[in-house]
Amino acid sequence: MSAQRGKDLLLKLGDNGAPEIFATIGGLRTRTLSLNAQSVDITHSTSAGGWRELLAGAGVRQASIAGAGVFLSAGAGDDIRSAFFNSEIRNWQVIIPGLGEIAGPFQISNLDYAGDHDGEATMSLALESAGALTFTPEGV
């Protein structure tokens, strides 16, 4: 994967429709996607050379997303506030330029609003995966 522009990483929220339509939630200036997998240690007294052994395909996988920026519309701000205050699990898409798309259910775990007296109002949010995620490679 060659170098990509960070501003092209997009975070989109689904509308719960059928078919579901995803809309970019705002002008995110910073964004991070973290994928994590918990390992299951199955090392025992006869493990070769005393080296740790892990059980493939076991453990818990999870994704965390964090972003900060400005809302581009009142509707996006309303959707985020509603999802947070109702503790909703909604479908989200993360578009990663040069790689593909990760999609699935997430819950907002943190929502912050901020602003300086001489600047625009900003928001930051954190999402935690709440079910199975899918990955679609770019160009598929």
N, C-alpha and C. Protein backbone atom coordinates (compact mmCIF):
# COMPACT_ATOMS: atom_id res chain seq x y z
N MET A 1 0.85 -1.17 0.00
CA MET A 1 0.00 0.00 0.00
C MET A 1 0.89 1.23 0.00
N SER A 2 0.71 2.11 -0.95
CA SER A 2 1.48 3.34 -1.01
C SER A 2 0.89 4.37 -0.06
N ALA A 3 1.60 5.46 0.14
CA ALA A 3 1.13 6.52 1.03
C ALA A 3 -0.21 7.05 0.57
N GLN A 4 -1.09 7.32 1.52
CA GLN A 4 -2.43 7.83 1.23
C GLN A 4 -2.68 9.09 2.05
N ARG A 5 -3.60 9.92 1.59
CA ARG A 5 -3.96 11.13 2.34
C ARG A 5 -4.85 10.75 3.51
N GLY A 6 -4.48 11.23 4.70
CA GLY A 6 -5.28 10.95 5.90
C GLY A 6 -6.69 11.48 5.79
N LYS A 7 -6.86 12.59 5.08
CA LYS A 7 -8.19 13.17 4.99
C LYS A 7 -9.16 12.30 4.19
N ASP A 8 -8.65 11.31 3.47
CA ASP A 8 -9.51 10.44 2.69
C ASP A 8 -10.08 9.28 3.50
N LEU A 9 -9.64 9.10 4.75
CA LEU A 9 -10.23 8.08 5.62
C LEU A 9 -11.57 8.63 6.09
N LEU A 10 -12.65 7.93 5.76
CA LEU A 10 -14.00 8.41 6.06
C LEU A 10 -14.70 7.55 7.09
N LEU A 11 -15.55 8.20 7.88
CA LEU A 11 -16.38 7.52 8.87
C LEU A 11 -17.83 7.82 8.51
N LYS A 12 -18.61 6.75 8.26
CA LYS A 12 -19.99 6.92 7.82
C LYS A 12 -20.94 6.18 8.74
N LEU A 13 -22.11 6.79 9.00
CA LEU A 13 -23.14 6.22 9.86
C LEU A 13 -24.33 5.78 9.02
N GLY A 14 -24.83 4.57 9.28
CA GLY A 14 -26.00 4.05 8.58
C GLY A 14 -27.29 4.64 9.12
N ASP A 15 -28.33 4.62 8.27
CA ASP A 15 -29.62 5.22 8.65
C ASP A 15 -30.65 4.21 9.14
N ASN A 16 -30.25 2.95 9.32
CA ASN A 16 -31.15 1.87 9.76
C ASN A 16 -32.22 1.53 8.73
N GLY A 17 -32.08 2.02 7.51
CA GLY A 17 -33.06 1.74 6.46
C GLY A 17 -32.82 0.39 5.82
N ALA A 18 -33.73 0.04 4.89
CA ALA A 18 -33.58 -1.19 4.12
C ALA A 18 -33.86 -0.86 2.66
N PRO A 19 -32.87 -0.70 1.81
CA PRO A 19 -31.45 -0.89 2.11
C PRO A 19 -30.88 0.28 2.91
N GLU A 20 -29.85 -0.03 3.65
CA GLU A 20 -29.23 0.98 4.51
C GLU A 20 -28.39 1.94 3.68
N ILE A 21 -28.54 3.22 3.98
CA ILE A 21 -27.77 4.27 3.31
C ILE A 21 -26.82 4.86 4.34
N PHE A 22 -25.56 5.03 3.95
CA PHE A 22 -24.53 5.54 4.85
C PHE A 22 -24.17 6.97 4.44
N ALA A 23 -24.01 7.82 5.45
CA ALA A 23 -23.65 9.22 5.21
C ALA A 23 -22.43 9.58 6.05
N THR A 24 -21.52 10.35 5.46
CA THR A 24 -20.34 10.83 6.19
C THR A 24 -20.82 11.70 7.34
N ILE A 25 -20.30 11.47 8.54
CA ILE A 25 -20.84 12.17 9.72
C ILE A 25 -20.32 13.58 9.91
N GLY A 26 -19.21 13.91 9.30
CA GLY A 26 -18.70 15.26 9.47
C GLY A 26 -17.34 15.41 8.86
N GLY A 27 -16.80 16.59 9.02
CA GLY A 27 -15.45 16.86 8.55
C GLY A 27 -14.46 16.46 9.62
N LEU A 28 -14.05 15.21 9.61
CA LEU A 28 -13.12 14.73 10.63
C LEU A 28 -11.71 15.17 10.28
N ARG A 29 -11.05 15.76 11.25
CA ARG A 29 -9.68 16.22 11.06
C ARG A 29 -8.67 15.19 11.53
N THR A 30 -9.06 14.40 12.51
CA THR A 30 -8.22 13.29 12.97
C THR A 30 -9.11 12.08 13.12
N ARG A 31 -8.57 10.92 12.83
CA ARG A 31 -9.32 9.69 12.95
C ARG A 31 -8.35 8.54 13.13
N THR A 32 -8.77 7.57 13.92
CA THR A 32 -7.95 6.40 14.20
C THR A 32 -8.83 5.17 14.22
N LEU A 33 -8.35 4.10 13.61
CA LEU A 33 -9.01 2.81 13.66
C LEU A 33 -8.02 1.84 14.29
N SER A 34 -8.42 1.18 15.38
CA SER A 34 -7.57 0.20 16.04
C SER A 34 -8.26 -1.15 16.00
N LEU A 35 -7.56 -2.15 15.48
CA LEU A 35 -8.06 -3.53 15.46
C LEU A 35 -7.24 -4.32 16.46
N ASN A 36 -7.90 -5.06 17.32
CA ASN A 36 -7.21 -5.79 18.37
C ASN A 36 -7.72 -7.23 18.44
N ALA A 37 -6.82 -8.14 18.80
CA ALA A 37 -7.19 -9.54 18.99
C ALA A 37 -6.53 -10.04 20.27
N GLN A 38 -7.34 -10.62 21.12
CA GLN A 38 -6.84 -11.19 22.37
C GLN A 38 -6.34 -12.60 22.06
N SER A 39 -5.16 -12.90 22.53
CA SER A 39 -4.62 -14.24 22.28
C SER A 39 -5.00 -15.19 23.41
N VAL A 40 -5.01 -16.50 23.08
CA VAL A 40 -5.28 -17.55 24.06
C VAL A 40 -4.03 -18.41 24.17
N ASP A 41 -3.40 -18.33 25.32
CA ASP A 41 -2.15 -19.04 25.58
C ASP A 41 -2.44 -20.49 25.93
N ILE A 42 -1.86 -21.41 25.15
CA ILE A 42 -2.05 -22.84 25.42
C ILE A 42 -0.72 -23.52 25.71
N THR A 43 0.26 -22.73 26.16
CA THR A 43 1.56 -23.28 26.49
C THR A 43 1.42 -24.30 27.62
N HIS A 44 2.20 -25.38 27.53
CA HIS A 44 2.14 -26.43 28.55
C HIS A 44 3.56 -26.91 28.82
N SER A 45 3.70 -27.85 29.74
CA SER A 45 5.02 -28.29 30.19
C SER A 45 5.86 -28.93 29.09
N THR A 46 5.24 -29.44 28.05
CA THR A 46 6.02 -30.07 26.98
C THR A 46 6.06 -29.21 25.70
N SER A 47 5.74 -27.92 25.82
CA SER A 47 5.84 -27.02 24.66
C SER A 47 7.29 -26.97 24.22
N ALA A 48 7.51 -27.07 22.91
CA ALA A 48 8.86 -27.13 22.35
C ALA A 48 9.74 -26.00 22.85
N GLY A 49 10.83 -26.38 23.56
CA GLY A 49 11.80 -25.41 24.04
C GLY A 49 11.25 -24.42 25.05
N GLY A 50 10.05 -24.68 25.57
CA GLY A 50 9.45 -23.76 26.53
C GLY A 50 8.87 -22.51 25.89
N TRP A 51 8.76 -22.53 24.57
CA TRP A 51 8.21 -21.38 23.85
C TRP A 51 6.69 -21.34 24.01
N ARG A 52 6.18 -20.15 24.09
CA ARG A 52 4.74 -19.95 24.21
C ARG A 52 4.03 -20.46 22.96
N GLU A 53 2.87 -21.07 23.16
CA GLU A 53 2.02 -21.51 22.06
C GLU A 53 0.67 -20.79 22.18
N LEU A 54 0.12 -20.39 21.03
CA LEU A 54 -1.16 -19.71 21.01
C LEU A 54 -2.16 -20.54 20.22
N LEU A 55 -3.41 -20.45 20.59
CA LEU A 55 -4.49 -21.17 19.92
C LEU A 55 -5.04 -20.30 18.80
N ALA A 56 -4.84 -20.73 17.56
CA ALA A 56 -5.30 -19.97 16.40
C ALA A 56 -6.83 -19.91 16.37
N GLY A 57 -7.34 -18.76 15.99
CA GLY A 57 -8.78 -18.59 15.83
C GLY A 57 -9.55 -18.43 17.12
N ALA A 58 -8.88 -18.37 18.25
CA ALA A 58 -9.56 -18.22 19.54
C ALA A 58 -9.38 -16.78 20.03
N GLY A 59 -10.02 -16.46 21.11
CA GLY A 59 -9.89 -15.12 21.68
C GLY A 59 -10.93 -14.16 21.13
N VAL A 60 -10.92 -12.98 21.68
CA VAL A 60 -11.88 -11.95 21.34
C VAL A 60 -11.23 -10.93 20.42
N ARG A 61 -11.92 -10.60 19.34
CA ARG A 61 -11.45 -9.54 18.44
C ARG A 61 -12.35 -8.33 18.64
N GLN A 62 -11.76 -7.16 18.52
CA GLN A 62 -12.54 -5.94 18.68
C GLN A 62 -11.90 -4.80 17.91
N ALA A 63 -12.72 -3.83 17.58
CA ALA A 63 -12.24 -2.65 16.87
C ALA A 63 -12.68 -1.41 17.63
N SER A 64 -11.82 -0.41 17.63
CA SER A 64 -12.11 0.89 18.24
C SER A 64 -11.85 1.95 17.19
N ILE A 65 -12.72 2.94 17.15
CA ILE A 65 -12.57 4.05 16.23
C ILE A 65 -12.65 5.33 17.03
N ALA A 66 -11.77 6.28 16.74
CA ALA A 66 -11.83 7.59 17.36
C ALA A 66 -11.68 8.64 16.28
N GLY A 67 -12.38 9.74 16.43
CA GLY A 67 -12.28 10.81 15.45
C GLY A 67 -12.64 12.14 16.08
N ALA A 68 -12.15 13.20 15.48
CA ALA A 68 -12.45 14.55 15.95
C ALA A 68 -12.55 15.47 14.75
N GLY A 69 -13.48 16.42 14.83
CA GLY A 69 -13.65 17.36 13.73
C GLY A 69 -14.87 18.22 13.94
N VAL A 70 -15.53 18.56 12.84
CA VAL A 70 -16.71 19.42 12.88
C VAL A 70 -17.85 18.72 12.14
N PHE A 71 -19.09 18.93 12.63
CA PHE A 71 -20.25 18.41 11.92
C PHE A 71 -20.47 19.25 10.68
N LEU A 72 -20.83 18.60 9.58
CA LEU A 72 -21.08 19.32 8.33
C LEU A 72 -22.55 19.65 8.15
N SER A 73 -23.41 19.07 8.99
CA SER A 73 -24.84 19.37 8.91
C SER A 73 -25.48 19.15 10.28
N ALA A 74 -26.61 19.83 10.50
CA ALA A 74 -27.34 19.64 11.75
C ALA A 74 -27.85 18.21 11.85
N GLY A 75 -28.21 17.62 10.71
CA GLY A 75 -28.71 16.25 10.71
C GLY A 75 -27.69 15.26 11.23
N ALA A 76 -26.42 15.42 10.83
CA ALA A 76 -25.37 14.52 11.32
C ALA A 76 -25.21 14.67 12.82
N GLY A 77 -25.22 15.89 13.32
CA GLY A 77 -25.11 16.12 14.76
C GLY A 77 -26.27 15.50 15.51
N ASP A 78 -27.48 15.62 14.96
CA ASP A 78 -28.67 15.04 15.59
C ASP A 78 -28.57 13.52 15.63
N ASP A 79 -28.12 12.92 14.52
CA ASP A 79 -27.99 11.45 14.47
C ASP A 79 -27.00 10.94 15.51
N ILE A 80 -25.88 11.62 15.65
CA ILE A 80 -24.86 11.21 16.62
C ILE A 80 -25.39 11.36 18.04
N ARG A 81 -25.98 12.50 18.36
CA ARG A 81 -26.53 12.72 19.70
C ARG A 81 -27.58 11.67 20.03
N SER A 82 -28.48 11.41 19.09
CA SER A 82 -29.54 10.42 19.32
C SER A 82 -28.95 9.04 19.57
N ALA A 83 -28.00 8.63 18.75
CA ALA A 83 -27.37 7.31 18.93
C ALA A 83 -26.69 7.21 20.29
N PHE A 84 -26.03 8.30 20.72
CA PHE A 84 -25.35 8.27 22.01
C PHE A 84 -26.36 8.20 23.17
N PHE A 85 -27.31 9.14 23.22
CA PHE A 85 -28.23 9.20 24.35
C PHE A 85 -29.17 8.00 24.42
N ASN A 86 -29.40 7.34 23.31
CA ASN A 86 -30.24 6.14 23.31
C ASN A 86 -29.43 4.85 23.40
N SER A 87 -28.11 4.98 23.58
CA SER A 87 -27.21 3.82 23.67
C SER A 87 -27.42 2.85 22.52
N GLU A 88 -27.64 3.41 21.34
CA GLU A 88 -27.91 2.58 20.16
C GLU A 88 -26.64 1.93 19.62
N ILE A 89 -26.83 0.75 19.10
CA ILE A 89 -25.79 0.10 18.31
C ILE A 89 -26.21 0.26 16.86
N ARG A 90 -25.38 0.99 16.10
CA ARG A 90 -25.71 1.31 14.71
C ARG A 90 -24.63 0.77 13.79
N ASN A 91 -24.98 0.60 12.54
CA ASN A 91 -24.00 0.18 11.55
C ASN A 91 -23.19 1.38 11.08
N TRP A 92 -21.88 1.18 11.02
CA TRP A 92 -20.94 2.21 10.59
C TRP A 92 -20.05 1.62 9.50
N GLN A 93 -19.50 2.50 8.68
CA GLN A 93 -18.50 2.13 7.69
C GLN A 93 -17.26 2.98 7.92
N VAL A 94 -16.10 2.36 7.79
CA VAL A 94 -14.83 3.08 7.81
C VAL A 94 -14.17 2.82 6.46
N ILE A 95 -13.99 3.87 5.69
CA ILE A 95 -13.37 3.76 4.38
C ILE A 95 -11.89 4.08 4.55
N ILE A 96 -11.02 3.11 4.26
CA ILE A 96 -9.58 3.27 4.41
C ILE A 96 -8.98 3.34 3.01
N PRO A 97 -8.49 4.52 2.60
CA PRO A 97 -7.98 4.66 1.23
C PRO A 97 -6.80 3.73 0.96
N GLY A 98 -6.85 3.09 -0.21
CA GLY A 98 -5.78 2.18 -0.59
C GLY A 98 -5.90 0.81 0.03
N LEU A 99 -6.86 0.60 0.91
CA LEU A 99 -7.02 -0.69 1.59
C LEU A 99 -8.41 -1.27 1.38
N GLY A 100 -9.44 -0.53 1.79
CA GLY A 100 -10.80 -1.03 1.64
C GLY A 100 -11.74 -0.45 2.66
N GLU A 101 -12.75 -1.23 3.02
CA GLU A 101 -13.80 -0.77 3.92
C GLU A 101 -14.03 -1.79 5.03
N ILE A 102 -14.14 -1.29 6.25
CA ILE A 102 -14.54 -2.11 7.39
C ILE A 102 -15.92 -1.63 7.79
N ALA A 103 -16.85 -2.56 7.95
CA ALA A 103 -18.23 -2.19 8.26
C ALA A 103 -18.81 -3.12 9.30
N GLY A 104 -19.76 -2.59 10.08
CA GLY A 104 -20.45 -3.40 11.05
C GLY A 104 -21.01 -2.57 12.19
N PRO A 105 -21.52 -3.24 13.21
CA PRO A 105 -22.16 -2.55 14.33
C PRO A 105 -21.15 -1.98 15.32
N PHE A 106 -21.41 -0.74 15.72
CA PHE A 106 -20.58 -0.05 16.71
C PHE A 106 -21.51 0.72 17.65
N GLN A 107 -21.00 0.97 18.86
CA GLN A 107 -21.70 1.82 19.82
C GLN A 107 -20.79 2.99 20.17
N ILE A 108 -21.38 4.17 20.29
CA ILE A 108 -20.60 5.35 20.68
C ILE A 108 -20.27 5.22 22.16
N SER A 109 -18.99 5.19 22.49
CA SER A 109 -18.58 5.06 23.89
C SER A 109 -18.14 6.39 24.48
N ASN A 110 -17.90 7.38 23.64
CA ASN A 110 -17.48 8.69 24.12
C ASN A 110 -17.89 9.75 23.11
N LEU A 111 -18.45 10.86 23.59
CA LEU A 111 -18.85 11.97 22.73
C LEU A 111 -18.51 13.26 23.44
N ASP A 112 -17.66 14.06 22.83
CA ASP A 112 -17.24 15.34 23.42
C ASP A 112 -17.55 16.47 22.46
N TYR A 113 -17.92 17.61 23.04
CA TYR A 113 -18.10 18.84 22.27
C TYR A 113 -17.15 19.87 22.85
N ALA A 114 -16.55 20.70 21.99
CA ALA A 114 -15.62 21.72 22.46
C ALA A 114 -15.66 22.91 21.51
N GLY A 115 -15.09 23.99 21.96
CA GLY A 115 -15.01 25.17 21.11
C GLY A 115 -14.30 26.31 21.81
N ASP A 116 -13.52 27.04 21.05
CA ASP A 116 -12.87 28.25 21.55
C ASP A 116 -13.76 29.44 21.24
N HIS A 117 -13.59 30.51 21.99
CA HIS A 117 -14.45 31.68 21.79
C HIS A 117 -14.26 32.30 20.41
N ASP A 118 -13.12 32.05 19.78
CA ASP A 118 -12.86 32.65 18.47
C ASP A 118 -12.75 31.61 17.36
N GLY A 119 -13.39 30.46 17.56
CA GLY A 119 -13.30 29.39 16.56
C GLY A 119 -14.60 28.61 16.46
N GLU A 120 -14.58 27.60 15.65
CA GLU A 120 -15.77 26.78 15.42
C GLU A 120 -15.95 25.76 16.54
N ALA A 121 -17.18 25.29 16.68
CA ALA A 121 -17.47 24.21 17.62
C ALA A 121 -16.95 22.90 17.02
N THR A 122 -16.35 22.08 17.85
CA THR A 122 -15.81 20.80 17.38
C THR A 122 -16.41 19.67 18.20
N MET A 123 -16.26 18.46 17.69
CA MET A 123 -16.71 17.28 18.41
C MET A 123 -15.65 16.21 18.28
N SER A 124 -15.67 15.29 19.21
CA SER A 124 -14.85 14.09 19.10
C SER A 124 -15.69 12.92 19.60
N LEU A 125 -15.46 11.76 19.03
CA LEU A 125 -16.22 10.60 19.44
C LEU A 125 -15.34 9.37 19.39
N ALA A 126 -15.75 8.37 20.15
CA ALA A 126 -15.09 7.07 20.14
C ALA A 126 -16.16 6.01 19.97
N LEU A 127 -15.86 5.02 19.16
CA LEU A 127 -16.78 3.92 18.89
C LEU A 127 -16.12 2.61 19.28
N GLU A 128 -16.93 1.67 19.76
CA GLU A 128 -16.47 0.32 20.08
C GLU A 128 -17.30 -0.67 19.29
N SER A 129 -16.64 -1.66 18.68
CA SER A 129 -17.36 -2.66 17.90
C SER A 129 -18.32 -3.43 18.81
N ALA A 130 -19.46 -3.81 18.22
CA ALA A 130 -20.51 -4.48 18.98
C ALA A 130 -21.03 -5.72 18.27
N GLY A 131 -20.18 -6.33 17.46
CA GLY A 131 -20.57 -7.52 16.72
C GLY A 131 -19.56 -7.80 15.63
N ALA A 132 -19.90 -8.73 14.76
CA ALA A 132 -19.00 -9.13 13.68
C ALA A 132 -18.82 -7.99 12.67
N LEU A 133 -17.59 -7.78 12.26
CA LEU A 133 -17.27 -6.77 11.25
C LEU A 133 -16.90 -7.46 9.95
N THR A 134 -17.10 -6.76 8.85
CA THR A 134 -16.69 -7.27 7.54
C THR A 134 -15.65 -6.36 6.95
N PHE A 135 -14.78 -6.94 6.14
CA PHE A 135 -13.77 -6.17 5.41
C PHE A 135 -13.96 -6.41 3.93
N THR A 136 -14.05 -5.34 3.17
CA THR A 136 -14.15 -5.42 1.72
C THR A 136 -12.93 -4.70 1.14
N PRO A 137 -12.07 -5.42 0.42
CA PRO A 137 -10.90 -4.78 -0.17
C PRO A 137 -11.30 -3.70 -1.18
N GLU A 138 -10.45 -2.69 -1.31
CA GLU A 138 -10.71 -1.61 -2.26
C GLU A 138 -10.81 -2.18 -3.67
N GLY A 139 -11.77 -1.69 -4.44
CA GLY A 139 -11.95 -2.11 -5.81
C GLY A 139 -12.80 -3.34 -5.99
N VAL A 140 -13.36 -3.89 -4.90
CA VAL A 140 -14.21 -5.08 -5.00
C VAL A 140 -15.66 -4.66 -5.03
